[in-house]
């Protein structure tokens, strides 16, 4: 008997590799628990997203449909064109006060033609179911087409916000009894007009094109000025942040010496990406408005502030894209006699372009949804006039989509809550489109090596 034989246990039980022991079972159980935790987290996130989107869409989808009243309105030339030359200057002398009686007369004639008689409803109350914005609508219609003077035209005018809310289920007979802006008699008139097809809901294109409206005219409030303001600001961000960010990234990644000062700059760029956006708003208020004297609530100021906020994101994304290009590309270009500049701009930069475009678009999408810095530079102001064409329009007062959402949520009329949710839908659609564009561009220009 050898020493090895003598020292080995006489009856050690044989273990099969196909049967897990207790330690393996514990490890497998821990792995299953981790997978369950991860799946639970994903399901919770999806559920929260579904609840958010359902709430926003449920509250805001109705903002894209609006109640309109169809009336036959007579446009007497002697009252609307006192000079009689059909010129725009002459027509502009008649204000909206001159058009309001025409709408009231058309409403009275419509009720008489249908034989509507509701106890307790006066002619003035019947006319009040029409929006106060209707005279301005009719005036703009005549200014754009003076040939309609002297004719009787079929015109769709906005209904009052309470009547629109009644058609959408937001206003009831019970609430009308306690509401000074609408009466049950007016709602009964609305029911009759709905049955006759005079009061209908249509797609509200004005929600996307009209400017903001006062608290008494929620049905006429639109996103036109806010959309233009956001577009102008994004043009400023794109024109400044992209070239400056890409140039800074190329220098830091390809040409800058590796020393302490460059390290400090790189650390500060990374820190700026984590600075709260409201800090950039304070910086813009101090530099661009108080020091430089630029106008408040102007797209140029908002664009400059958002440029400062977007630059770190673009620089970090561009440097990561440049770093992802294999060093062999640079070495091969230098080996055939290319200069450092030629190697970077002719070979490295085209290969890094997909990542640069992706980072730029994501940075712009992030800037588009910012609210806090824009509030500090005064873009929360009530703006009714459209900004002009660039470059002069960059200095005109304007609003922005996220600021418009904030503004509407601060108003008391429930119709503005619907408008705010509708504006969020528009903002989400734009953000989704920008992110989809980033994915498409990345896949379109991506090169594999």
Protein backbone atom coordinates (compact mmCIF):
# COMPACT_ATOMS: atom_id res chain seq x y z
CA UNK A 1 0.00 0.00 0.00
CA UNK A 2 1.43 3.37 -0.98
CA UNK A 3 1.34 6.55 1.08
CA UNK A 4 -1.17 8.13 -1.38
CA UNK A 5 -3.45 5.18 -1.01
CA UNK A 6 -3.17 5.14 2.73
CA UNK A 7 -3.88 8.87 3.14
CA UNK A 8 -6.99 8.97 0.89
CA UNK A 9 -10.41 8.52 2.56
CA UNK A 10 -11.76 5.04 2.21
CA UNK A 11 -15.40 5.92 1.43
CA UNK A 12 -15.60 9.50 -0.12
CA UNK A 13 -18.95 9.81 -1.94
CA UNK A 14 -18.68 10.50 -5.66
CA UNK A 15 -20.14 13.88 -6.87
CA UNK A 16 -21.81 14.27 -10.27
CA UNK A 17 -21.20 17.38 -12.34
CA UNK A 18 -24.81 17.20 -13.50
CA UNK A 19 -26.23 17.65 -10.00
CA UNK A 20 -25.70 21.15 -8.52
CA UNK A 21 -24.54 21.34 -4.97
CA UNK A 22 -25.92 23.75 -2.35
CA UNK A 23 -23.48 26.51 -3.24
CA UNK A 24 -24.41 26.34 -6.93
CA UNK A 25 -28.10 26.38 -6.08
CA UNK A 26 -27.64 29.51 -3.97
CA UNK A 27 -25.73 31.21 -6.78
CA UNK A 28 -28.42 30.28 -9.30
CA UNK A 29 -31.15 31.52 -6.95
CA UNK A 30 -29.31 34.85 -6.52
CA UNK A 31 -29.05 35.18 -10.29
CA UNK A 32 -32.78 34.54 -10.70
CA UNK A 33 -33.58 37.14 -8.03
CA UNK A 34 -31.37 39.69 -9.78
CA UNK A 35 -33.14 39.04 -13.09
CA UNK A 36 -36.50 39.41 -11.35
CA UNK A 37 -35.40 42.73 -9.81
CA UNK A 38 -34.25 44.02 -13.20
CA UNK A 39 -37.46 42.92 -14.93
CA UNK A 40 -39.54 44.50 -12.14
CA UNK A 41 -37.65 47.78 -12.50
CA UNK A 42 -38.24 47.78 -16.27
CA UNK A 43 -41.94 47.04 -15.84
CA UNK A 44 -42.29 49.82 -13.26
CA UNK A 45 -40.58 52.26 -15.59
CA UNK A 46 -42.78 51.24 -18.52
CA UNK A 47 -45.90 51.50 -16.35
CA UNK A 48 -44.90 55.00 -15.19
CA UNK A 49 -44.26 56.05 -18.79
CA UNK A 50 -47.63 54.66 -19.90
CA UNK A 51 -49.42 56.49 -17.07
CA UNK A 52 -47.60 59.73 -17.95
CA UNK A 53 -48.35 59.52 -21.67
CA UNK A 54 -51.94 58.43 -21.05
CA UNK A 55 -52.53 61.36 -18.72
CA UNK A 56 -50.94 63.92 -21.02
CA UNK A 57 -52.64 62.64 -24.17
CA UNK A 58 -55.96 62.18 -22.40
CA UNK A 59 -55.93 65.76 -21.11
CA UNK A 60 -54.39 67.40 -24.16
CA UNK A 61 -55.75 65.61 -27.23
CA UNK A 62 -58.97 67.64 -27.03
CA UNK A 63 -56.95 70.85 -27.46
CA UNK A 64 -56.56 69.98 -31.14
CA UNK A 65 -60.35 70.10 -31.60
CA UNK A 66 -62.40 73.22 -31.02
CA UNK A 67 -66.08 74.18 -31.07
CA UNK A 68 -67.15 76.41 -33.98
CA UNK A 69 -70.48 78.04 -34.77
CA UNK A 70 -71.46 78.32 -38.43
CA UNK A 71 -73.19 81.63 -39.22
CA UNK A 72 -74.29 83.45 -42.36
CA UNK A 73 -72.80 86.91 -41.85
CA UNK A 74 -73.64 89.89 -44.03
CA UNK A 75 -70.69 92.20 -44.68
CA UNK A 76 -72.07 95.64 -45.65
CA UNK A 77 -69.53 97.62 -47.63
CA UNK A 78 -70.74 101.00 -46.35
CA UNK A 79 -70.03 100.02 -42.73
CA UNK A 80 -66.75 98.18 -43.23
CA UNK A 81 -65.23 100.33 -45.98
CA UNK A 82 -66.09 103.96 -45.16
CA UNK A 83 -63.81 105.35 -47.89
CA UNK A 84 -64.99 102.89 -50.52
CA UNK A 85 -61.65 102.20 -52.22
CA UNK A 86 -61.25 98.66 -50.83
CA UNK A 87 -57.68 99.48 -49.81
CA UNK A 88 -56.13 97.83 -46.77
CA UNK A 89 -55.53 101.19 -45.13
CA UNK A 90 -59.21 102.05 -45.41
CA UNK A 91 -60.37 98.69 -44.13
CA UNK A 92 -58.04 98.88 -41.14
CA UNK A 93 -59.84 102.00 -39.94
CA UNK A 94 -62.72 99.78 -38.82
CA UNK A 95 -61.78 98.07 -35.56
CA UNK A 96 -63.15 94.83 -34.15
CA UNK A 97 -65.92 96.84 -32.48
CA UNK A 98 -67.37 97.44 -35.93
CA UNK A 99 -67.51 93.70 -36.66
CA UNK A 100 -69.04 92.56 -33.34
CA UNK A 101 -72.59 93.79 -34.20
CA UNK A 102 -72.49 91.87 -37.49
CA UNK A 103 -71.87 88.63 -35.63
CA UNK A 104 -74.61 89.39 -33.10
CA UNK A 105 -77.06 90.13 -35.92
CA UNK A 106 -76.12 86.90 -37.68
CA UNK A 107 -76.66 84.94 -34.46
CA UNK A 108 -80.08 86.49 -33.94
CA UNK A 109 -81.06 85.78 -37.53
CA UNK A 110 -79.90 82.17 -37.20
CA UNK A 111 -82.05 81.63 -34.09
CA UNK A 112 -85.08 83.21 -35.75
CA UNK A 113 -84.62 81.05 -38.85
CA UNK A 114 -84.50 77.90 -36.72
CA UNK A 115 -87.35 79.03 -34.49
CA UNK A 116 -85.31 78.71 -31.29
CA UNK A 117 -87.01 80.04 -28.18
CA UNK A 118 -85.52 79.30 -24.77
CA UNK A 119 -87.12 80.76 -21.68
CA UNK A 120 -84.82 83.09 -19.77
CA UNK A 121 -82.34 83.47 -22.65
CA UNK A 122 -81.88 87.00 -23.96
CA UNK A 123 -80.35 87.96 -27.30
CA UNK A 124 -77.24 89.20 -25.49
CA UNK A 125 -76.85 85.87 -23.68
CA UNK A 126 -77.32 84.01 -26.95
CA UNK A 127 -74.60 86.11 -28.56
CA UNK A 128 -72.25 85.44 -25.65
CA UNK A 129 -71.85 81.80 -26.65
CA UNK A 130 -69.61 83.21 -29.40
CA UNK A 131 -65.97 83.82 -28.50
CA UNK A 132 -64.79 87.38 -27.98
CA UNK A 133 -62.10 86.58 -30.51
CA UNK A 134 -64.69 86.15 -33.28
CA UNK A 135 -64.76 89.84 -34.36
CA UNK A 136 -60.98 89.77 -34.81
CA UNK A 137 -61.31 86.57 -36.87
CA UNK A 138 -63.90 88.17 -39.11
CA UNK A 139 -61.87 91.37 -39.47
CA UNK A 140 -58.77 89.43 -40.55
CA UNK A 141 -60.90 87.51 -43.03
CA UNK A 142 -62.11 90.75 -44.64
CA UNK A 143 -58.61 92.30 -44.64
CA UNK A 144 -57.23 89.26 -46.46
CA UNK A 145 -60.03 89.22 -49.06
CA UNK A 146 -61.74 92.63 -49.54
CA UNK A 147 -63.84 91.24 -52.41
CA UNK A 148 -66.23 89.64 -49.90
CA UNK A 149 -67.58 93.07 -48.94
CA UNK A 150 -71.24 93.43 -49.80
CA UNK A 151 -71.84 89.68 -49.66
CA UNK A 152 -73.33 87.26 -47.16
CA UNK A 153 -70.73 84.61 -46.34
CA UNK A 154 -70.84 81.41 -44.34
CA UNK A 155 -68.27 81.85 -41.61
CA UNK A 156 -67.12 79.54 -38.82
CA UNK A 157 -66.55 81.52 -35.63
CA UNK A 158 -65.05 80.24 -32.40
CA UNK A 159 -67.48 79.30 -29.66
CA UNK A 160 -67.01 80.49 -26.10
CA UNK A 161 -64.58 78.49 -23.96
CA UNK A 162 -67.38 77.35 -21.64
CA UNK A 163 -69.44 76.09 -24.59
CA UNK A 164 -66.38 74.26 -25.91
CA UNK A 165 -65.87 72.78 -22.43
CA UNK A 166 -69.50 71.67 -22.39
CA UNK A 167 -69.02 69.75 -25.63
CA UNK A 168 -65.91 68.13 -24.16
CA UNK A 169 -67.56 67.20 -20.87
CA UNK A 170 -65.67 69.73 -18.78
CA UNK A 171 -68.74 71.89 -18.11
CA UNK A 172 -72.10 70.54 -16.92
CA UNK A 173 -75.53 71.96 -16.18
CA UNK A 174 -74.77 71.75 -12.46
CA UNK A 175 -71.49 73.66 -12.78
CA UNK A 176 -73.16 76.26 -15.05
CA UNK A 177 -75.54 77.18 -12.22
CA UNK A 178 -72.55 78.30 -10.16
CA UNK A 179 -70.54 79.81 -13.04
CA UNK A 180 -70.89 83.50 -13.87
CA UNK A 181 -69.43 82.96 -17.36
CA UNK A 182 -72.14 80.60 -18.62
CA UNK A 183 -75.76 79.79 -17.79
CA UNK A 184 -77.87 76.63 -18.13
CA UNK A 185 -79.99 78.46 -20.73
CA UNK A 186 -76.90 78.96 -22.88
CA UNK A 187 -76.06 75.26 -22.56
CA UNK A 188 -79.59 74.36 -23.66
CA UNK A 189 -79.10 76.63 -26.67
CA UNK A 190 -75.82 74.82 -27.35
CA UNK A 191 -77.65 71.48 -27.25
CA UNK A 192 -80.14 72.75 -29.83
CA UNK A 193 -77.38 74.11 -32.10
CA UNK A 194 -75.47 70.82 -31.83
CA UNK A 195 -78.58 68.92 -32.90
CA UNK A 196 -79.02 71.23 -35.91
CA UNK A 197 -75.35 70.88 -36.94
CA UNK A 198 -74.68 74.59 -36.38
CA UNK A 199 -72.35 74.03 -33.41
CA UNK A 200 -69.69 71.43 -34.24
CA UNK A 201 -66.17 70.47 -33.26
CA UNK A 202 -63.44 70.69 -35.89
CA UNK A 203 -59.68 70.30 -36.01
CA UNK A 204 -58.22 73.41 -34.45
CA UNK A 205 -55.36 74.50 -36.70
CA UNK A 206 -55.29 77.78 -34.81
CA UNK A 207 -53.89 75.96 -31.79
CA UNK A 208 -50.63 75.57 -33.73
CA UNK A 209 -50.63 78.92 -35.53
CA UNK A 210 -52.35 81.54 -33.38
CA UNK A 211 -50.56 83.57 -30.68
CA UNK A 212 -51.43 83.44 -26.99
CA UNK A 213 -54.71 84.91 -25.79
CA UNK A 214 -55.92 86.64 -22.64
CA UNK A 215 -57.44 84.87 -19.65
CA UNK A 216 -60.96 85.60 -20.96
CA UNK A 217 -60.31 83.94 -24.34
CA UNK A 218 -58.77 80.50 -23.71
CA UNK A 219 -60.43 79.10 -26.82
CA UNK A 220 -58.30 81.44 -28.98
CA UNK A 221 -54.92 80.70 -27.33
CA UNK A 222 -52.35 79.13 -29.64
CA UNK A 223 -48.71 78.13 -29.89
CA UNK A 224 -47.74 80.15 -32.96
CA UNK A 225 -45.43 82.63 -31.20
CA UNK A 226 -43.98 79.94 -28.92
CA UNK A 227 -43.16 77.64 -31.84
CA UNK A 228 -41.46 80.47 -33.74
CA UNK A 229 -39.55 81.52 -30.62
CA UNK A 230 -38.31 77.98 -30.01
CA UNK A 231 -37.32 77.64 -33.67
CA UNK A 232 -35.33 80.89 -33.58
CA UNK A 233 -33.56 79.87 -30.38
CA UNK A 234 -32.61 76.48 -31.83
CA UNK A 235 -31.20 78.23 -34.91
CA UNK A 236 -29.00 80.34 -32.64
CA UNK A 237 -27.91 77.26 -30.67
CA UNK A 238 -27.12 75.34 -33.85
CA UNK A 239 -25.21 78.23 -35.40
CA UNK A 240 -23.05 78.79 -32.30
CA UNK A 241 -22.82 75.57 -30.31
CA UNK A 242 -22.01 73.22 -33.20
CA UNK A 243 -18.95 74.98 -34.67
CA UNK A 244 -17.59 76.12 -31.29
CA UNK A 245 -18.16 72.74 -29.66
CA UNK A 246 -16.67 70.73 -32.52
CA UNK A 247 -13.66 73.07 -32.83
CA UNK A 248 -12.98 72.91 -29.09
CA UNK A 249 -13.29 69.11 -29.11
CA UNK A 250 -10.90 68.69 -32.04
CA UNK A 251 -8.30 70.90 -30.39
CA UNK A 252 -8.56 69.22 -26.99
CA UNK A 253 -8.52 65.70 -28.42
CA UNK A 254 -6.05 66.01 -31.29
CA UNK A 255 -3.81 69.05 -30.86
CA UNK A 256 -3.75 70.19 -27.20
CA UNK A 257 -0.63 69.32 -25.19
CA UNK A 258 -1.14 67.03 -22.23
CA UNK A 259 -0.42 69.31 -19.29
CA UNK A 260 -2.05 70.56 -16.12
CA UNK A 261 -3.95 73.43 -17.77
CA UNK A 262 -5.59 71.17 -20.33
CA UNK A 263 -6.57 68.77 -17.53
CA UNK A 264 -8.20 71.65 -15.64
CA UNK A 265 -10.14 72.67 -18.76
CA UNK A 266 -11.34 69.09 -19.32
CA UNK A 267 -12.47 68.73 -15.71
CA UNK A 268 -14.37 72.01 -15.86
CA UNK A 269 -16.11 71.04 -19.10
CA UNK A 270 -17.29 67.83 -17.44
CA UNK A 271 -18.44 69.80 -14.39
CA UNK A 272 -20.35 72.31 -16.55
CA UNK A 273 -22.40 69.47 -18.02
CA UNK A 274 -23.74 68.76 -14.52
CA UNK A 275 -24.49 72.39 -13.54
CA UNK A 276 -28.23 73.05 -13.01
CA UNK A 277 -29.79 74.87 -15.94
CA UNK A 278 -31.06 77.72 -13.78
CA UNK A 279 -27.42 78.72 -13.13
CA UNK A 280 -27.02 79.36 -16.85
CA UNK A 281 -30.14 81.51 -16.68
CA UNK A 282 -28.59 83.64 -13.94
CA UNK A 283 -25.41 83.91 -16.00
CA UNK A 284 -27.38 84.97 -19.08
CA UNK A 285 -29.33 87.54 -17.06
CA UNK A 286 -26.10 89.06 -15.71
CA UNK A 287 -24.08 89.06 -18.95
CA UNK A 288 -26.45 89.30 -21.90
CA UNK A 289 -29.18 91.50 -20.39
CA UNK A 290 -27.68 93.53 -17.55
CA UNK A 291 -24.18 93.95 -19.07
CA UNK A 292 -24.64 93.65 -22.85
CA UNK A 293 -28.06 95.35 -22.82
CA UNK A 294 -29.82 92.84 -25.06
CA UNK A 295 -33.66 92.91 -24.89
CA UNK A 296 -35.52 90.64 -22.52
CA UNK A 297 -37.78 87.90 -23.87
CA UNK A 298 -35.84 87.87 -27.15
CA UNK A 299 -34.85 84.63 -28.94
CA UNK A 300 -31.26 85.86 -29.31
CA UNK A 301 -30.82 85.95 -25.51
CA UNK A 302 -32.54 82.60 -25.04
CA UNK A 303 -30.38 81.10 -27.80
CA UNK A 304 -27.17 82.41 -26.22
CA UNK A 305 -28.12 81.04 -22.81
CA UNK A 306 -29.04 77.65 -24.25
CA UNK A 307 -25.80 77.66 -26.26
CA UNK A 308 -23.80 77.94 -23.03
CA UNK A 309 -25.81 75.08 -21.58
CA UNK A 310 -25.49 72.86 -24.69
CA UNK A 311 -21.76 73.36 -25.33
CA UNK A 312 -20.52 70.88 -22.66
CA UNK A 313 -22.84 68.17 -24.00
CA UNK A 314 -21.63 68.66 -27.58
CA UNK A 315 -17.96 68.79 -26.53
CA UNK A 316 -18.19 65.59 -24.49
CA UNK A 317 -20.07 63.73 -27.24
CA UNK A 318 -17.67 64.97 -29.95
CA UNK A 319 -14.58 64.00 -27.97
CA UNK A 320 -16.00 60.54 -27.35
CA UNK A 321 -16.64 60.15 -31.09
CA UNK A 322 -13.12 61.29 -31.98
CA UNK A 323 -11.64 58.96 -29.38
CA UNK A 324 -13.60 56.03 -30.83
CA UNK A 325 -11.81 56.31 -34.19
CA UNK A 326 -8.98 53.70 -34.19
CA UNK A 327 -5.45 55.13 -33.93
CA UNK A 328 -4.51 53.10 -36.99
CA UNK A 329 -6.54 55.54 -39.12
CA UNK A 330 -4.37 58.41 -37.95
CA UNK A 331 -1.16 56.41 -38.27
CA UNK A 332 -1.99 55.31 -41.82
CA UNK A 333 -2.75 58.88 -42.91
CA UNK A 334 0.45 60.19 -41.35
CA UNK A 335 2.39 57.29 -42.85
CA UNK A 336 1.50 58.24 -46.41
CA UNK A 337 2.61 61.84 -45.89
CA UNK A 338 -0.52 63.60 -44.66
CA UNK A 339 -0.11 66.42 -42.19
CA UNK A 340 -1.71 66.31 -38.76
CA UNK A 341 -4.43 68.69 -39.96
CA UNK A 342 -5.13 66.59 -43.06
CA UNK A 343 -5.28 63.38 -41.04
CA UNK A 344 -7.85 64.89 -38.67
CA UNK A 345 -10.11 66.68 -41.14
CA UNK A 346 -9.89 64.24 -44.05
CA UNK A 347 -10.01 60.94 -42.18
CA UNK A 348 -10.78 61.16 -38.45
CA UNK A 349 -13.55 63.78 -38.56
CA UNK A 350 -15.66 62.07 -41.29
CA UNK A 351 -15.54 58.81 -39.33
CA UNK A 352 -16.57 60.61 -36.13
CA UNK A 353 -19.37 62.56 -37.87
CA UNK A 354 -22.24 60.19 -36.86
CA UNK A 355 -21.41 60.52 -33.17
CA UNK A 356 -20.97 64.28 -33.50
CA UNK A 357 -24.37 64.67 -35.18
CA UNK A 358 -26.00 62.46 -32.57
CA UNK A 359 -24.53 64.44 -29.70
CA UNK A 360 -25.51 67.74 -31.31
CA UNK A 361 -29.12 66.72 -31.92
CA UNK A 362 -29.49 65.32 -28.41
CA UNK A 363 -28.02 68.52 -26.99
CA UNK A 364 -30.47 70.64 -29.02
CA UNK A 365 -33.37 68.43 -27.92
CA UNK A 366 -32.30 68.91 -24.30
CA UNK A 367 -32.10 72.68 -24.77
CA UNK A 368 -35.54 72.74 -26.43
CA UNK A 369 -37.17 71.41 -23.27
CA UNK A 370 -35.49 73.78 -20.82
CA UNK A 371 -37.68 76.22 -18.90
CA UNK A 372 -35.81 77.59 -15.88
CA UNK A 373 -33.12 79.63 -17.72
CA UNK A 374 -35.75 81.14 -20.03
CA UNK A 375 -37.88 82.26 -17.10
CA UNK A 376 -34.96 84.24 -15.70
CA UNK A 377 -34.41 86.16 -18.93
CA UNK A 378 -38.06 87.22 -19.16
CA UNK A 379 -39.45 84.87 -21.81
CA UNK A 380 -42.50 84.30 -19.62
CA UNK A 381 -43.95 87.59 -20.88
CA UNK A 382 -47.35 87.65 -22.58
CA UNK A 383 -46.59 88.08 -26.31
CA UNK A 384 -49.34 88.55 -28.89
CA UNK A 385 -47.32 89.63 -31.96
CA UNK A 386 -45.27 87.29 -34.08
CA UNK A 387 -41.51 87.93 -34.26
CA UNK A 388 -40.20 89.10 -37.61
CA UNK A 389 -37.97 87.19 -39.97
CA UNK A 390 -34.33 86.66 -38.95
CA UNK A 391 -32.05 88.36 -38.23
CA UNK A 392 -34.29 91.22 -37.00
CA UNK A 393 -36.79 88.75 -35.56
CA UNK A 394 -34.15 87.35 -33.22
CA UNK A 395 -34.42 90.57 -31.21
CA UNK A 396 -38.24 90.73 -31.16
CA UNK A 397 -40.22 89.56 -28.09
CA UNK A 398 -41.21 85.89 -28.26
CA UNK A 399 -42.02 82.93 -26.09
CA UNK A 400 -40.96 79.27 -26.11
CA UNK A 401 -42.82 75.98 -25.96
CA UNK A 402 -41.82 74.94 -22.40
CA UNK A 403 -42.38 78.47 -21.11
CA UNK A 404 -45.81 78.55 -22.74
CA UNK A 405 -46.69 75.32 -20.94
CA UNK A 406 -45.61 76.88 -17.64
CA UNK A 407 -47.57 80.06 -18.40
CA UNK A 408 -50.81 78.21 -19.14
CA UNK A 409 -50.60 76.06 -16.03
CA UNK A 410 -50.58 79.24 -13.92
CA UNK A 411 -53.95 80.46 -15.24
CA UNK A 412 -57.21 79.78 -13.49
CA UNK A 413 -59.46 78.81 -16.41
CA UNK A 414 -59.64 75.00 -16.80
CA UNK A 415 -59.42 75.41 -20.58
CA UNK A 416 -55.80 76.49 -20.20
CA UNK A 417 -54.96 73.19 -18.47
CA UNK A 418 -56.18 71.46 -21.63
CA UNK A 419 -54.07 73.84 -23.69
CA UNK A 420 -50.99 73.14 -21.54
CA UNK A 421 -51.37 69.38 -22.03
CA UNK A 422 -51.77 69.93 -25.76
CA UNK A 423 -48.58 71.99 -25.83
CA UNK A 424 -46.78 69.18 -23.99
CA UNK A 425 -47.92 66.78 -26.73
CA UNK A 426 -46.45 69.11 -29.37
CA UNK A 427 -43.20 69.38 -27.42
CA UNK A 428 -42.97 65.60 -26.98
CA UNK A 429 -43.58 65.04 -30.70
CA UNK A 430 -40.75 67.45 -31.55
CA UNK A 431 -38.38 65.81 -29.05
CA UNK A 432 -39.22 62.32 -30.32
CA UNK A 433 -38.65 63.51 -33.89
CA UNK A 434 -35.24 64.96 -32.97
CA UNK A 435 -34.15 61.79 -31.21
CA UNK A 436 -35.38 59.66 -34.12
CA UNK A 437 -33.41 61.91 -36.48
CA UNK A 438 -30.30 61.34 -34.36
CA UNK A 439 -30.73 57.56 -34.63
CA UNK A 440 -31.34 57.71 -38.39
CA UNK A 441 -28.32 59.93 -39.04
CA UNK A 442 -26.10 57.74 -36.92
CA UNK A 443 -27.10 54.61 -38.80
CA UNK A 444 -26.98 56.38 -42.16
CA UNK A 445 -23.41 57.70 -41.81
CA UNK A 446 -21.94 55.10 -39.50
CA UNK A 447 -18.89 53.33 -40.89
CA UNK A 448 -17.48 50.08 -39.60
CA UNK A 449 -13.82 49.16 -39.56
